[in-house]
C-alpha cells in the first residue's frame, strides 16, 4: 500500500475526497473543503483518515 504525501488528493469513506495536509505515522490529516459540496454535507473542514482507509486519487504534481 502506498502512503499519501502532502498535496495528494485522496478518496475515503464512500466517495469523500480531500487534500492531504499532514502525514502521520498511522494516518493523514485531510482538508475536505476541496469538495464542491463540502458545505452541503455539513462536515468539519479537516478530518483524520487511517492509511488503511483511503486510496490516492491524484498525486501532487512535482516541479
N, C-alpha and C. Protein backbone atom coordinates (compact mmCIF):
# COMPACT_ATOMS: atom_id res chain seq x y z
N UNK A 1 0.84 -1.18 0.00
CA UNK A 1 0.00 0.00 0.00
C UNK A 1 0.89 1.24 0.00
N UNK A 2 0.58 2.18 -0.89
CA UNK A 2 1.34 3.42 -0.97
C UNK A 2 0.74 4.45 -0.02
N UNK A 3 1.56 5.09 0.74
CA UNK A 3 1.11 6.12 1.69
C UNK A 3 1.07 7.46 0.97
N UNK A 4 -0.02 8.19 1.20
CA UNK A 4 -0.19 9.50 0.57
C UNK A 4 0.86 10.48 1.09
N UNK A 5 1.11 11.51 0.29
CA UNK A 5 2.02 12.57 0.67
C UNK A 5 1.26 13.89 0.72
N UNK A 6 1.84 14.89 1.35
CA UNK A 6 1.21 16.20 1.43
C UNK A 6 0.92 16.71 0.02
N UNK A 7 -0.31 17.16 -0.20
CA UNK A 7 -0.71 17.67 -1.50
C UNK A 7 -1.46 16.67 -2.36
N UNK A 8 -1.40 15.38 -2.01
CA UNK A 8 -2.14 14.37 -2.75
C UNK A 8 -3.64 14.51 -2.48
N UNK A 9 -4.45 14.11 -3.44
CA UNK A 9 -5.89 14.07 -3.26
C UNK A 9 -6.26 12.61 -3.01
N UNK A 10 -7.00 12.38 -1.91
CA UNK A 10 -7.38 11.02 -1.57
C UNK A 10 -8.90 10.89 -1.53
N UNK A 11 -9.37 9.65 -1.64
CA UNK A 11 -10.79 9.35 -1.52
C UNK A 11 -10.96 8.39 -0.36
N UNK A 12 -11.97 8.62 0.46
CA UNK A 12 -12.21 7.80 1.64
C UNK A 12 -13.69 7.80 1.95
N UNK A 13 -14.09 6.95 2.84
CA UNK A 13 -15.46 6.86 3.35
C UNK A 13 -16.54 7.15 2.31
N UNK A 14 -16.79 6.23 1.42
CA UNK A 14 -17.88 6.31 0.45
C UNK A 14 -17.83 7.52 -0.47
N UNK A 15 -16.65 7.83 -0.99
CA UNK A 15 -16.56 8.86 -2.02
C UNK A 15 -16.15 10.25 -1.57
N UNK A 16 -15.94 10.46 -0.28
CA UNK A 16 -15.47 11.78 0.16
C UNK A 16 -14.04 11.95 -0.33
N UNK A 17 -13.69 13.18 -0.70
CA UNK A 17 -12.33 13.47 -1.17
C UNK A 17 -11.76 14.66 -0.42
N UNK A 18 -10.44 14.70 -0.36
CA UNK A 18 -9.77 15.81 0.28
C UNK A 18 -8.30 15.85 -0.07
N UNK A 19 -7.67 16.94 0.33
CA UNK A 19 -6.24 17.15 0.08
C UNK A 19 -5.48 16.87 1.36
N UNK A 20 -4.45 16.05 1.25
CA UNK A 20 -3.63 15.70 2.41
C UNK A 20 -2.82 16.91 2.85
N UNK A 21 -2.96 17.27 4.13
CA UNK A 21 -2.21 18.40 4.68
C UNK A 21 -1.04 17.96 5.55
N UNK A 22 -1.18 16.80 6.19
CA UNK A 22 -0.11 16.31 7.06
C UNK A 22 -0.14 14.80 7.07
N UNK A 23 1.04 14.20 7.07
CA UNK A 23 1.16 12.74 7.12
C UNK A 23 1.71 12.35 8.48
N UNK A 24 0.97 11.50 9.18
CA UNK A 24 1.41 10.97 10.47
C UNK A 24 1.80 9.51 10.30
N UNK A 25 2.24 8.89 11.37
CA UNK A 25 2.70 7.50 11.29
C UNK A 25 1.59 6.55 10.82
N UNK A 26 0.38 6.71 11.35
CA UNK A 26 -0.71 5.80 11.03
C UNK A 26 -1.87 6.43 10.28
N UNK A 27 -1.78 7.73 10.00
CA UNK A 27 -2.92 8.43 9.40
C UNK A 27 -2.47 9.69 8.67
N UNK A 28 -3.44 10.30 8.00
CA UNK A 28 -3.21 11.59 7.35
C UNK A 28 -4.28 12.56 7.82
N UNK A 29 -3.95 13.85 7.82
CA UNK A 29 -4.93 14.89 8.10
C UNK A 29 -5.33 15.47 6.75
N UNK A 30 -6.64 15.52 6.52
CA UNK A 30 -7.17 15.85 5.19
C UNK A 30 -8.07 17.08 5.27
N UNK A 31 -7.89 18.00 4.31
CA UNK A 31 -8.75 19.17 4.17
C UNK A 31 -9.86 18.80 3.20
N UNK A 32 -11.10 18.70 3.69
CA UNK A 32 -12.21 18.28 2.84
C UNK A 32 -12.92 19.44 2.15
N UNK A 33 -12.45 20.67 2.35
CA UNK A 33 -13.06 21.80 1.65
C UNK A 33 -12.76 21.75 0.16
N UNK A 34 -11.93 20.81 -0.26
CA UNK A 34 -11.63 20.57 -1.67
C UNK A 34 -12.90 20.22 -2.46
N UNK A 35 -13.85 19.54 -1.81
CA UNK A 35 -15.07 19.10 -2.48
C UNK A 35 -16.02 20.29 -2.68
N UNK A 36 -16.63 20.36 -3.85
CA UNK A 36 -17.58 21.44 -4.15
C UNK A 36 -18.77 21.44 -3.21
N UNK A 37 -19.24 20.26 -2.82
CA UNK A 37 -20.43 20.16 -1.97
C UNK A 37 -20.10 20.04 -0.49
N UNK A 38 -18.93 20.47 -0.11
CA UNK A 38 -18.47 20.35 1.27
C UNK A 38 -19.45 20.99 2.26
N UNK A 39 -19.96 22.18 1.96
CA UNK A 39 -20.89 22.86 2.88
C UNK A 39 -22.23 22.11 2.99
N UNK A 40 -22.68 21.54 1.90
CA UNK A 40 -23.95 20.79 1.91
C UNK A 40 -23.86 19.55 2.81
N UNK A 41 -22.69 18.97 2.92
CA UNK A 41 -22.50 17.76 3.70
C UNK A 41 -22.34 18.03 5.19
N UNK A 42 -22.20 19.30 5.56
CA UNK A 42 -22.05 19.72 6.96
C UNK A 42 -20.92 18.98 7.66
N UNK A 43 -19.77 18.99 7.02
CA UNK A 43 -18.58 18.35 7.57
C UNK A 43 -17.66 19.38 8.21
N UNK A 44 -16.80 18.90 9.09
CA UNK A 44 -15.71 19.74 9.59
C UNK A 44 -14.74 19.99 8.44
N UNK A 45 -13.95 21.05 8.53
CA UNK A 45 -13.00 21.37 7.45
C UNK A 45 -11.91 20.33 7.31
N UNK A 46 -11.51 19.73 8.41
CA UNK A 46 -10.41 18.76 8.38
C UNK A 46 -10.85 17.48 9.10
N UNK A 47 -10.25 16.38 8.67
CA UNK A 47 -10.52 15.10 9.32
C UNK A 47 -9.27 14.24 9.27
N UNK A 48 -9.25 13.22 10.10
CA UNK A 48 -8.12 12.29 10.17
C UNK A 48 -8.56 10.97 9.54
N UNK A 49 -7.72 10.43 8.66
CA UNK A 49 -8.04 9.17 7.98
C UNK A 49 -6.86 8.22 8.12
N UNK A 50 -7.13 7.01 8.58
CA UNK A 50 -6.11 5.98 8.71
C UNK A 50 -5.60 5.59 7.33
N UNK A 51 -4.32 5.24 7.25
CA UNK A 51 -3.72 4.85 5.97
C UNK A 51 -4.46 3.68 5.31
N UNK A 52 -5.09 2.82 6.11
CA UNK A 52 -5.80 1.66 5.56
C UNK A 52 -7.12 2.04 4.91
N UNK A 53 -7.60 3.27 5.16
CA UNK A 53 -8.97 3.63 4.79
C UNK A 53 -9.09 4.65 3.66
N UNK A 54 -8.08 4.78 2.84
CA UNK A 54 -8.18 5.70 1.70
C UNK A 54 -7.45 5.16 0.50
N UNK A 55 -7.75 5.76 -0.65
CA UNK A 55 -6.96 5.47 -1.85
C UNK A 55 -6.56 6.81 -2.45
N UNK A 56 -5.39 6.84 -3.06
CA UNK A 56 -4.88 8.05 -3.67
C UNK A 56 -5.55 8.22 -5.02
N UNK A 57 -6.20 9.37 -5.23
CA UNK A 57 -6.89 9.65 -6.48
C UNK A 57 -5.95 10.39 -7.43
N UNK A 58 -5.21 11.35 -6.88
CA UNK A 58 -4.29 12.14 -7.70
C UNK A 58 -3.09 12.53 -6.84
N UNK A 59 -1.92 12.24 -7.36
CA UNK A 59 -0.71 12.61 -6.64
C UNK A 59 -0.36 14.06 -6.91
N UNK A 60 0.27 14.68 -5.93
CA UNK A 60 0.69 16.07 -6.08
C UNK A 60 1.64 16.19 -7.26
N UNK A 61 1.42 17.22 -8.04
CA UNK A 61 2.31 17.45 -9.18
C UNK A 61 3.69 17.85 -8.70
N UNK A 62 4.71 17.26 -9.27
CA UNK A 62 6.08 17.60 -8.90
C UNK A 62 6.65 18.56 -9.92
N UNK A 63 7.45 19.50 -9.47
CA UNK A 63 8.01 20.51 -10.37
C UNK A 63 9.25 20.01 -11.04
